[in-house]
Amino acid sequence: MSDGTDAESEDATGTDRDGGKHVLVPIDRSDQSTEALEHALSEFEGATLTLLHVINPARAGYGAQAGIPTASEEWLKEAEAAADQLFAGAEERAHGHDVDLETTTEVGNPSRLIVEYTEDEDRDIDHVVMGSHGRSGLSRVLLGSVAETVVRRSTVPVTVVR
């Protein structure tokens, strides 16, 4: 049994958030992902936050999807440059917070890569904090929900921020 002070340093699963916690925060350019980052920064002081940006080739233009080398290469360079800008903004937000920040970029299906990232024992992810676009109805059926897929398939706790 713990007193009120100890309870404040525990998350919903009772895991101590002070030191050693490794939190994955998938980020994109959405307001929801910014909110998720803010939540992780405030709730996981002392933790290592890994910011993961997934470049989804399904969003590439026709030339990249058709396998035209120059279009594919140019698209990927632009996507990587955008990821670098995204990370720079996230690092500014993290300034003044007691967290270790790591960044990584992957190319592929976002929900699959996020789940795979959490399953890699070498990465030792304890928790995922991610935004949700809050789609419903037909748009959710057609576009899917990355957050929903991650919640259903993840082997670690997931906090979804809207």
N, C-alpha and C. Protein backbone atom coordinates (compact mmCIF):
# COMPACT_ATOMS: atom_id res chain seq x y z
N MET A 1 0.86 -1.18 0.00
CA MET A 1 0.00 0.00 0.00
C MET A 1 0.89 1.23 0.00
N SER A 2 0.56 2.21 -0.79
CA SER A 2 1.39 3.41 -0.88
C SER A 2 0.60 4.62 -0.41
N ASP A 3 1.36 5.64 0.02
CA ASP A 3 0.69 6.88 0.41
C ASP A 3 0.45 7.75 -0.81
N GLY A 4 -0.16 8.91 -0.65
CA GLY A 4 -0.50 9.80 -1.76
C GLY A 4 0.70 10.23 -2.57
N THR A 5 1.85 10.40 -1.91
CA THR A 5 3.04 10.84 -2.62
C THR A 5 3.49 9.79 -3.63
N ASP A 6 3.53 8.53 -3.19
CA ASP A 6 3.93 7.46 -4.10
C ASP A 6 2.94 7.30 -5.24
N ALA A 7 1.66 7.44 -4.96
CA ALA A 7 0.64 7.25 -5.99
C ALA A 7 0.79 8.27 -7.11
N GLU A 8 1.29 9.45 -6.78
CA GLU A 8 1.44 10.48 -7.80
C GLU A 8 2.53 10.13 -8.81
N SER A 9 3.45 9.25 -8.43
CA SER A 9 4.53 8.89 -9.35
C SER A 9 4.26 7.57 -10.06
N GLU A 10 3.03 7.08 -9.97
CA GLU A 10 2.69 5.84 -10.63
C GLU A 10 1.69 6.11 -11.75
N ASP A 11 1.78 5.31 -12.82
CA ASP A 11 0.78 5.43 -13.87
C ASP A 11 -0.38 4.50 -13.58
N ALA A 12 -1.31 4.39 -14.51
CA ALA A 12 -2.53 3.60 -14.29
C ALA A 12 -2.23 2.13 -14.02
N THR A 13 -1.09 1.64 -14.46
CA THR A 13 -0.75 0.24 -14.22
C THR A 13 0.06 0.08 -12.95
N GLY A 14 0.34 1.20 -12.24
CA GLY A 14 1.10 1.13 -11.01
C GLY A 14 2.60 1.13 -11.24
N THR A 15 3.04 1.35 -12.45
CA THR A 15 4.46 1.37 -12.76
C THR A 15 5.04 2.72 -12.40
N ASP A 16 6.18 2.71 -11.73
CA ASP A 16 6.84 3.94 -11.34
C ASP A 16 7.32 4.67 -12.58
N ARG A 17 6.94 5.94 -12.70
CA ARG A 17 7.33 6.74 -13.87
C ARG A 17 8.68 7.39 -13.70
N ASP A 18 9.24 7.36 -12.51
CA ASP A 18 10.51 8.02 -12.28
C ASP A 18 11.66 7.11 -12.70
N GLY A 19 12.40 7.51 -13.71
CA GLY A 19 13.58 6.79 -14.13
C GLY A 19 13.28 5.46 -14.80
N GLY A 20 13.95 5.21 -15.89
CA GLY A 20 13.86 3.94 -16.55
C GLY A 20 12.68 3.73 -17.48
N LYS A 21 11.69 4.58 -17.43
CA LYS A 21 10.52 4.42 -18.29
C LYS A 21 10.89 4.82 -19.72
N HIS A 22 10.42 4.05 -20.69
CA HIS A 22 10.68 4.35 -22.10
C HIS A 22 9.33 4.45 -22.81
N VAL A 23 9.01 5.64 -23.29
CA VAL A 23 7.71 5.93 -23.88
C VAL A 23 7.86 6.23 -25.36
N LEU A 24 7.06 5.56 -26.18
CA LEU A 24 7.04 5.81 -27.61
C LEU A 24 5.94 6.81 -27.92
N VAL A 25 6.29 7.88 -28.64
CA VAL A 25 5.32 8.90 -29.02
C VAL A 25 5.36 9.04 -30.54
N PRO A 26 4.44 8.38 -31.24
CA PRO A 26 4.36 8.56 -32.69
C PRO A 26 3.88 9.98 -33.01
N ILE A 27 4.58 10.67 -33.89
CA ILE A 27 4.19 12.04 -34.20
C ILE A 27 4.06 12.25 -35.70
N ASP A 28 3.15 13.16 -36.03
CA ASP A 28 2.98 13.63 -37.40
C ASP A 28 2.71 15.13 -37.30
N ARG A 29 2.15 15.72 -38.30
CA ARG A 29 1.92 17.17 -38.27
C ARG A 29 0.57 17.54 -37.68
N SER A 30 -0.15 16.62 -37.12
CA SER A 30 -1.50 16.90 -36.62
C SER A 30 -1.49 17.55 -35.24
N ASP A 31 -2.55 18.29 -34.96
CA ASP A 31 -2.73 18.86 -33.63
C ASP A 31 -2.81 17.76 -32.58
N GLN A 32 -3.41 16.64 -32.95
CA GLN A 32 -3.57 15.54 -32.00
C GLN A 32 -2.22 14.96 -31.59
N SER A 33 -1.30 14.88 -32.52
CA SER A 33 0.01 14.36 -32.16
C SER A 33 0.77 15.36 -31.29
N THR A 34 0.55 16.64 -31.52
CA THR A 34 1.16 17.66 -30.66
C THR A 34 0.61 17.54 -29.24
N GLU A 35 -0.70 17.32 -29.12
CA GLU A 35 -1.31 17.12 -27.80
C GLU A 35 -0.75 15.88 -27.12
N ALA A 36 -0.54 14.82 -27.89
CA ALA A 36 0.03 13.59 -27.32
C ALA A 36 1.45 13.85 -26.81
N LEU A 37 2.24 14.60 -27.57
CA LEU A 37 3.59 14.94 -27.12
C LEU A 37 3.53 15.76 -25.84
N GLU A 38 2.66 16.75 -25.79
CA GLU A 38 2.52 17.57 -24.58
C GLU A 38 2.14 16.70 -23.38
N HIS A 39 1.22 15.76 -23.60
CA HIS A 39 0.80 14.86 -22.53
C HIS A 39 1.99 14.02 -22.05
N ALA A 40 2.74 13.46 -22.98
CA ALA A 40 3.90 12.64 -22.60
C ALA A 40 4.94 13.46 -21.86
N LEU A 41 5.18 14.69 -22.30
CA LEU A 41 6.16 15.55 -21.63
C LEU A 41 5.75 15.85 -20.20
N SER A 42 4.47 16.05 -19.97
CA SER A 42 4.02 16.41 -18.62
C SER A 42 3.81 15.19 -17.72
N GLU A 43 3.45 14.06 -18.29
CA GLU A 43 3.13 12.89 -17.48
C GLU A 43 4.29 11.93 -17.26
N PHE A 44 5.33 12.03 -18.05
CA PHE A 44 6.41 11.06 -17.95
C PHE A 44 7.76 11.74 -17.71
N GLU A 45 7.78 12.64 -16.74
CA GLU A 45 9.03 13.30 -16.36
C GLU A 45 10.06 12.24 -15.97
N GLY A 46 11.29 12.45 -16.38
CA GLY A 46 12.37 11.53 -16.05
C GLY A 46 12.47 10.34 -17.00
N ALA A 47 11.57 10.24 -17.95
CA ALA A 47 11.55 9.10 -18.87
C ALA A 47 12.34 9.40 -20.13
N THR A 48 12.57 8.37 -20.90
CA THR A 48 13.08 8.51 -22.26
C THR A 48 11.88 8.51 -23.18
N LEU A 49 11.74 9.54 -23.99
CA LEU A 49 10.67 9.60 -24.98
C LEU A 49 11.29 9.38 -26.35
N THR A 50 10.81 8.39 -27.06
CA THR A 50 11.23 8.17 -28.44
C THR A 50 10.13 8.68 -29.34
N LEU A 51 10.45 9.70 -30.11
CA LEU A 51 9.50 10.25 -31.07
C LEU A 51 9.67 9.49 -32.38
N LEU A 52 8.60 8.87 -32.83
CA LEU A 52 8.62 8.08 -34.05
C LEU A 52 7.76 8.75 -35.10
N HIS A 53 8.38 9.07 -36.24
CA HIS A 53 7.60 9.59 -37.37
C HIS A 53 7.64 8.53 -38.46
N VAL A 54 6.46 8.12 -38.90
CA VAL A 54 6.36 7.11 -39.95
C VAL A 54 6.00 7.80 -41.26
N ILE A 55 6.86 7.62 -42.24
CA ILE A 55 6.60 8.12 -43.59
C ILE A 55 5.79 7.04 -44.30
N ASN A 56 4.57 7.39 -44.65
CA ASN A 56 3.66 6.43 -45.26
C ASN A 56 3.75 6.53 -46.78
N PRO A 57 4.32 5.52 -47.45
CA PRO A 57 4.45 5.60 -48.91
C PRO A 57 3.11 5.64 -49.62
N ALA A 58 2.04 5.24 -48.95
CA ALA A 58 0.71 5.31 -49.57
C ALA A 58 0.29 6.75 -49.83
N ARG A 59 0.95 7.70 -49.17
CA ARG A 59 0.63 9.11 -49.37
C ARG A 59 1.49 9.77 -50.43
N ALA A 60 2.37 9.00 -51.03
CA ALA A 60 3.25 9.54 -52.07
C ALA A 60 2.44 9.82 -53.33
N GLY A 61 2.97 10.66 -54.16
CA GLY A 61 2.31 10.96 -55.43
C GLY A 61 2.36 9.78 -56.39
N TYR A 62 1.70 9.92 -57.51
CA TYR A 62 1.61 8.85 -58.50
C TYR A 62 2.98 8.36 -58.94
N GLY A 63 3.88 9.28 -59.21
CA GLY A 63 5.20 8.90 -59.69
C GLY A 63 5.95 8.03 -58.70
N ALA A 64 5.85 8.36 -57.43
CA ALA A 64 6.53 7.57 -56.41
C ALA A 64 5.89 6.19 -56.30
N GLN A 65 4.55 6.15 -56.36
CA GLN A 65 3.86 4.86 -56.25
C GLN A 65 4.13 4.00 -57.47
N ALA A 66 4.32 4.61 -58.61
CA ALA A 66 4.56 3.86 -59.83
C ALA A 66 6.00 3.34 -59.90
N GLY A 67 6.81 3.76 -58.94
CA GLY A 67 8.18 3.28 -58.90
C GLY A 67 9.12 4.04 -59.81
N ILE A 68 8.74 5.23 -60.21
CA ILE A 68 9.63 6.06 -61.03
C ILE A 68 10.74 6.54 -60.11
N PRO A 69 12.00 6.12 -60.35
CA PRO A 69 13.07 6.37 -59.39
C PRO A 69 13.24 7.82 -58.96
N THR A 70 13.28 8.76 -59.89
CA THR A 70 13.52 10.14 -59.49
C THR A 70 12.36 10.67 -58.66
N ALA A 71 11.14 10.31 -59.01
CA ALA A 71 9.98 10.76 -58.23
C ALA A 71 10.02 10.15 -56.84
N SER A 72 10.35 8.88 -56.74
CA SER A 72 10.42 8.20 -55.44
C SER A 72 11.50 8.80 -54.56
N GLU A 73 12.67 9.00 -55.14
CA GLU A 73 13.78 9.55 -54.38
C GLU A 73 13.49 10.96 -53.91
N GLU A 74 12.93 11.77 -54.79
CA GLU A 74 12.61 13.16 -54.43
C GLU A 74 11.54 13.20 -53.34
N TRP A 75 10.52 12.38 -53.50
CA TRP A 75 9.46 12.34 -52.50
C TRP A 75 10.00 11.94 -51.14
N LEU A 76 10.86 10.92 -51.10
CA LEU A 76 11.42 10.46 -49.83
C LEU A 76 12.30 11.53 -49.20
N LYS A 77 13.11 12.22 -50.00
CA LYS A 77 13.95 13.30 -49.46
C LYS A 77 13.09 14.40 -48.84
N GLU A 78 12.02 14.76 -49.53
CA GLU A 78 11.11 15.79 -49.00
C GLU A 78 10.44 15.32 -47.71
N ALA A 79 10.04 14.07 -47.67
CA ALA A 79 9.39 13.52 -46.47
C ALA A 79 10.36 13.47 -45.30
N GLU A 80 11.62 13.12 -45.57
CA GLU A 80 12.63 13.08 -44.51
C GLU A 80 12.95 14.48 -44.00
N ALA A 81 13.00 15.46 -44.90
CA ALA A 81 13.24 16.85 -44.49
C ALA A 81 12.09 17.35 -43.63
N ALA A 82 10.87 17.00 -44.01
CA ALA A 82 9.70 17.39 -43.21
C ALA A 82 9.75 16.73 -41.83
N ALA A 83 10.22 15.49 -41.76
CA ALA A 83 10.35 14.80 -40.47
C ALA A 83 11.38 15.51 -39.60
N ASP A 84 12.49 15.95 -40.20
CA ASP A 84 13.50 16.68 -39.44
C ASP A 84 12.93 17.97 -38.85
N GLN A 85 12.11 18.67 -39.63
CA GLN A 85 11.47 19.90 -39.13
C GLN A 85 10.50 19.57 -38.00
N LEU A 86 9.78 18.49 -38.15
CA LEU A 86 8.85 18.05 -37.12
C LEU A 86 9.59 17.75 -35.82
N PHE A 87 10.71 17.05 -35.91
CA PHE A 87 11.51 16.73 -34.73
C PHE A 87 12.09 17.99 -34.09
N ALA A 88 12.52 18.94 -34.91
CA ALA A 88 13.06 20.19 -34.37
C ALA A 88 12.00 20.92 -33.54
N GLY A 89 10.78 20.97 -34.04
CA GLY A 89 9.69 21.58 -33.29
C GLY A 89 9.39 20.83 -32.01
N ALA A 90 9.45 19.52 -32.06
CA ALA A 90 9.20 18.70 -30.87
C ALA A 90 10.30 18.92 -29.83
N GLU A 91 11.53 19.04 -30.29
CA GLU A 91 12.64 19.28 -29.37
C GLU A 91 12.48 20.63 -28.67
N GLU A 92 11.99 21.63 -29.40
CA GLU A 92 11.72 22.93 -28.77
C GLU A 92 10.65 22.79 -27.69
N ARG A 93 9.59 22.04 -27.96
CA ARG A 93 8.54 21.82 -26.97
C ARG A 93 9.07 21.09 -25.74
N ALA A 94 10.03 20.21 -25.94
CA ALA A 94 10.56 19.41 -24.84
C ALA A 94 11.54 20.19 -23.97
N HIS A 95 12.02 21.32 -24.49
CA HIS A 95 12.98 22.13 -23.73
C HIS A 95 12.39 22.49 -22.37
N GLY A 96 13.16 22.26 -21.33
CA GLY A 96 12.70 22.58 -19.98
C GLY A 96 11.99 21.42 -19.28
N HIS A 97 11.75 20.34 -19.99
CA HIS A 97 11.16 19.14 -19.39
C HIS A 97 12.27 18.15 -19.07
N ASP A 98 12.09 17.42 -18.00
CA ASP A 98 13.07 16.44 -17.57
C ASP A 98 12.84 15.11 -18.30
N VAL A 99 13.19 15.08 -19.57
CA VAL A 99 13.07 13.87 -20.38
C VAL A 99 14.31 13.73 -21.26
N ASP A 100 14.63 12.50 -21.61
CA ASP A 100 15.62 12.24 -22.64
C ASP A 100 14.84 12.02 -23.92
N LEU A 101 15.20 12.75 -24.96
CA LEU A 101 14.44 12.70 -26.20
C LEU A 101 15.26 11.99 -27.28
N GLU A 102 14.64 11.01 -27.92
CA GLU A 102 15.23 10.33 -29.06
C GLU A 102 14.27 10.48 -30.23
N THR A 103 14.80 10.49 -31.44
CA THR A 103 13.94 10.60 -32.62
C THR A 103 14.31 9.52 -33.62
N THR A 104 13.30 9.05 -34.32
CA THR A 104 13.54 8.06 -35.37
C THR A 104 12.46 8.18 -36.44
N THR A 105 12.86 7.87 -37.66
CA THR A 105 11.94 7.90 -38.79
C THR A 105 11.94 6.53 -39.44
N GLU A 106 10.76 6.04 -39.76
CA GLU A 106 10.60 4.76 -40.44
C GLU A 106 9.71 4.99 -41.67
N VAL A 107 9.81 4.11 -42.63
CA VAL A 107 8.98 4.19 -43.84
C VAL A 107 8.12 2.93 -43.90
N GLY A 108 6.80 3.13 -44.01
CA GLY A 108 5.90 1.99 -44.13
C GLY A 108 4.52 2.30 -43.60
N ASN A 109 3.79 1.25 -43.26
CA ASN A 109 2.44 1.37 -42.73
C ASN A 109 2.51 1.83 -41.27
N PRO A 110 1.92 2.98 -40.92
CA PRO A 110 2.07 3.52 -39.57
C PRO A 110 1.65 2.57 -38.45
N SER A 111 0.45 2.01 -38.52
CA SER A 111 0.00 1.17 -37.40
C SER A 111 0.88 -0.07 -37.26
N ARG A 112 1.25 -0.68 -38.36
CA ARG A 112 2.09 -1.88 -38.30
C ARG A 112 3.46 -1.55 -37.70
N LEU A 113 4.06 -0.45 -38.15
CA LEU A 113 5.40 -0.09 -37.67
C LEU A 113 5.39 0.32 -36.20
N ILE A 114 4.35 1.01 -35.77
CA ILE A 114 4.27 1.40 -34.35
C ILE A 114 4.19 0.16 -33.48
N VAL A 115 3.34 -0.79 -33.85
CA VAL A 115 3.21 -2.03 -33.07
C VAL A 115 4.53 -2.80 -33.10
N GLU A 116 5.15 -2.93 -34.27
CA GLU A 116 6.43 -3.64 -34.36
C GLU A 116 7.49 -2.98 -33.50
N TYR A 117 7.49 -1.66 -33.47
CA TYR A 117 8.46 -0.93 -32.67
C TYR A 117 8.32 -1.28 -31.20
N THR A 118 7.08 -1.41 -30.72
CA THR A 118 6.85 -1.74 -29.31
C THR A 118 7.21 -3.19 -29.00
N GLU A 119 7.15 -4.05 -30.00
CA GLU A 119 7.43 -5.47 -29.78
C GLU A 119 8.92 -5.79 -29.79
N ASP A 120 9.74 -4.89 -30.30
CA ASP A 120 11.18 -5.12 -30.37
C ASP A 120 11.77 -5.03 -28.96
N GLU A 121 12.21 -6.17 -28.43
CA GLU A 121 12.71 -6.22 -27.05
C GLU A 121 13.94 -5.34 -26.85
N ASP A 122 14.74 -5.13 -27.88
CA ASP A 122 15.93 -4.29 -27.76
C ASP A 122 15.56 -2.83 -27.49
N ARG A 123 14.37 -2.43 -27.92
CA ARG A 123 13.94 -1.04 -27.72
C ARG A 123 13.32 -0.84 -26.35
N ASP A 124 12.79 -1.89 -25.75
CA ASP A 124 12.28 -1.87 -24.38
C ASP A 124 11.26 -0.76 -24.13
N ILE A 125 10.26 -0.68 -24.99
CA ILE A 125 9.19 0.32 -24.86
C ILE A 125 8.22 -0.12 -23.77
N ASP A 126 7.90 0.80 -22.84
CA ASP A 126 6.99 0.51 -21.74
C ASP A 126 5.58 1.02 -21.99
N HIS A 127 5.44 2.04 -22.83
CA HIS A 127 4.15 2.72 -22.97
C HIS A 127 4.14 3.46 -24.31
N VAL A 128 2.97 3.62 -24.88
CA VAL A 128 2.79 4.42 -26.10
C VAL A 128 1.83 5.54 -25.77
N VAL A 129 2.16 6.76 -26.18
CA VAL A 129 1.25 7.90 -26.06
C VAL A 129 1.08 8.44 -27.47
N MET A 130 -0.16 8.43 -27.96
CA MET A 130 -0.37 8.86 -29.35
C MET A 130 -1.67 9.63 -29.49
N GLY A 131 -1.73 10.44 -30.53
CA GLY A 131 -2.93 11.19 -30.83
C GLY A 131 -3.88 10.37 -31.67
N SER A 132 -5.13 10.80 -31.66
CA SER A 132 -6.15 10.19 -32.51
C SER A 132 -6.86 11.30 -33.25
N HIS A 133 -7.08 11.09 -34.53
CA HIS A 133 -7.77 12.09 -35.33
C HIS A 133 -9.26 12.12 -35.05
N GLY A 134 -9.75 11.14 -34.32
CA GLY A 134 -11.16 11.15 -33.92
C GLY A 134 -12.13 10.94 -35.05
N ARG A 135 -11.70 10.23 -36.08
CA ARG A 135 -12.62 9.95 -37.18
C ARG A 135 -13.72 9.02 -36.71
N SER A 136 -14.86 9.15 -37.35
CA SER A 136 -15.95 8.23 -37.04
C SER A 136 -16.72 7.95 -38.32
N GLY A 137 -17.60 7.00 -38.23
CA GLY A 137 -18.46 6.69 -39.36
C GLY A 137 -17.70 6.22 -40.58
N LEU A 138 -18.13 6.70 -41.74
CA LEU A 138 -17.58 6.24 -43.01
C LEU A 138 -16.10 6.57 -43.17
N SER A 139 -15.67 7.75 -42.72
CA SER A 139 -14.26 8.10 -42.88
C SER A 139 -13.37 7.14 -42.10
N ARG A 140 -13.85 6.68 -40.93
CA ARG A 140 -13.07 5.73 -40.15
C ARG A 140 -13.01 4.38 -40.85
N VAL A 141 -14.12 3.97 -41.44
CA VAL A 141 -14.16 2.70 -42.16
C VAL A 141 -13.23 2.75 -43.38
N LEU A 142 -13.28 3.85 -44.12
CA LEU A 142 -12.48 3.97 -45.33
C LEU A 142 -11.00 4.21 -45.04
N LEU A 143 -10.71 5.05 -44.07
CA LEU A 143 -9.34 5.44 -43.79
C LEU A 143 -8.69 4.60 -42.70
N GLY A 144 -9.51 3.95 -41.88
CA GLY A 144 -8.98 3.19 -40.76
C GLY A 144 -8.55 4.11 -39.65
N SER A 145 -8.20 3.53 -38.56
CA SER A 145 -7.74 4.29 -37.42
C SER A 145 -6.42 3.70 -36.95
N VAL A 146 -5.35 4.46 -37.11
CA VAL A 146 -4.05 4.00 -36.66
C VAL A 146 -4.09 3.77 -35.15
N ALA A 147 -4.66 4.72 -34.41
CA ALA A 147 -4.72 4.59 -32.96
C ALA A 147 -5.49 3.33 -32.54
N GLU A 148 -6.62 3.10 -33.19
CA GLU A 148 -7.41 1.92 -32.83
C GLU A 148 -6.63 0.63 -33.08
N THR A 149 -5.95 0.56 -34.21
CA THR A 149 -5.16 -0.63 -34.52
C THR A 149 -4.05 -0.83 -33.51
N VAL A 150 -3.37 0.25 -33.13
CA VAL A 150 -2.30 0.15 -32.15
C VAL A 150 -2.85 -0.30 -30.80
N VAL A 151 -3.97 0.28 -30.38
CA VAL A 151 -4.58 -0.12 -29.10
C VAL A 151 -4.91 -1.61 -29.11
N ARG A 152 -5.46 -2.08 -30.19
CA ARG A 152 -5.88 -3.49 -30.27
C ARG A 152 -4.70 -4.45 -30.33
N ARG A 153 -3.60 -4.05 -30.95
CA ARG A 153 -2.49 -4.99 -31.19
C ARG A 153 -1.29 -4.80 -30.29
N SER A 154 -1.19 -3.69 -29.60
CA SER A 154 -0.01 -3.42 -28.79
C SER A 154 0.04 -4.33 -27.56
N THR A 155 1.25 -4.73 -27.22
CA THR A 155 1.46 -5.53 -26.02
C THR A 155 1.83 -4.66 -24.82
N VAL A 156 1.94 -3.35 -25.03
CA VAL A 156 2.23 -2.41 -23.94
C VAL A 156 1.05 -1.46 -23.80
N PRO A 157 0.90 -0.80 -22.64
CA PRO A 157 -0.20 0.15 -22.48
C PRO A 157 -0.12 1.29 -23.50
N VAL A 158 -1.28 1.73 -23.96
CA VAL A 158 -1.38 2.82 -24.94
C VAL A 158 -2.30 3.88 -24.39
N THR A 159 -1.84 5.12 -24.37
CA THR A 159 -2.68 6.26 -24.02
C THR A 159 -2.99 7.00 -25.30
N VAL A 160 -4.29 7.17 -25.59
CA VAL A 160 -4.72 7.88 -26.79
C VAL A 160 -5.21 9.26 -26.36
N VAL A 161 -4.65 10.29 -26.98
CA VAL A 161 -4.98 11.68 -26.66
C VAL A 161 -5.72 12.27 -27.85
N ARG A 162 -6.86 12.92 -27.57
CA ARG A 162 -7.62 13.57 -28.65
C ARG A 162 -7.54 15.06 -28.52
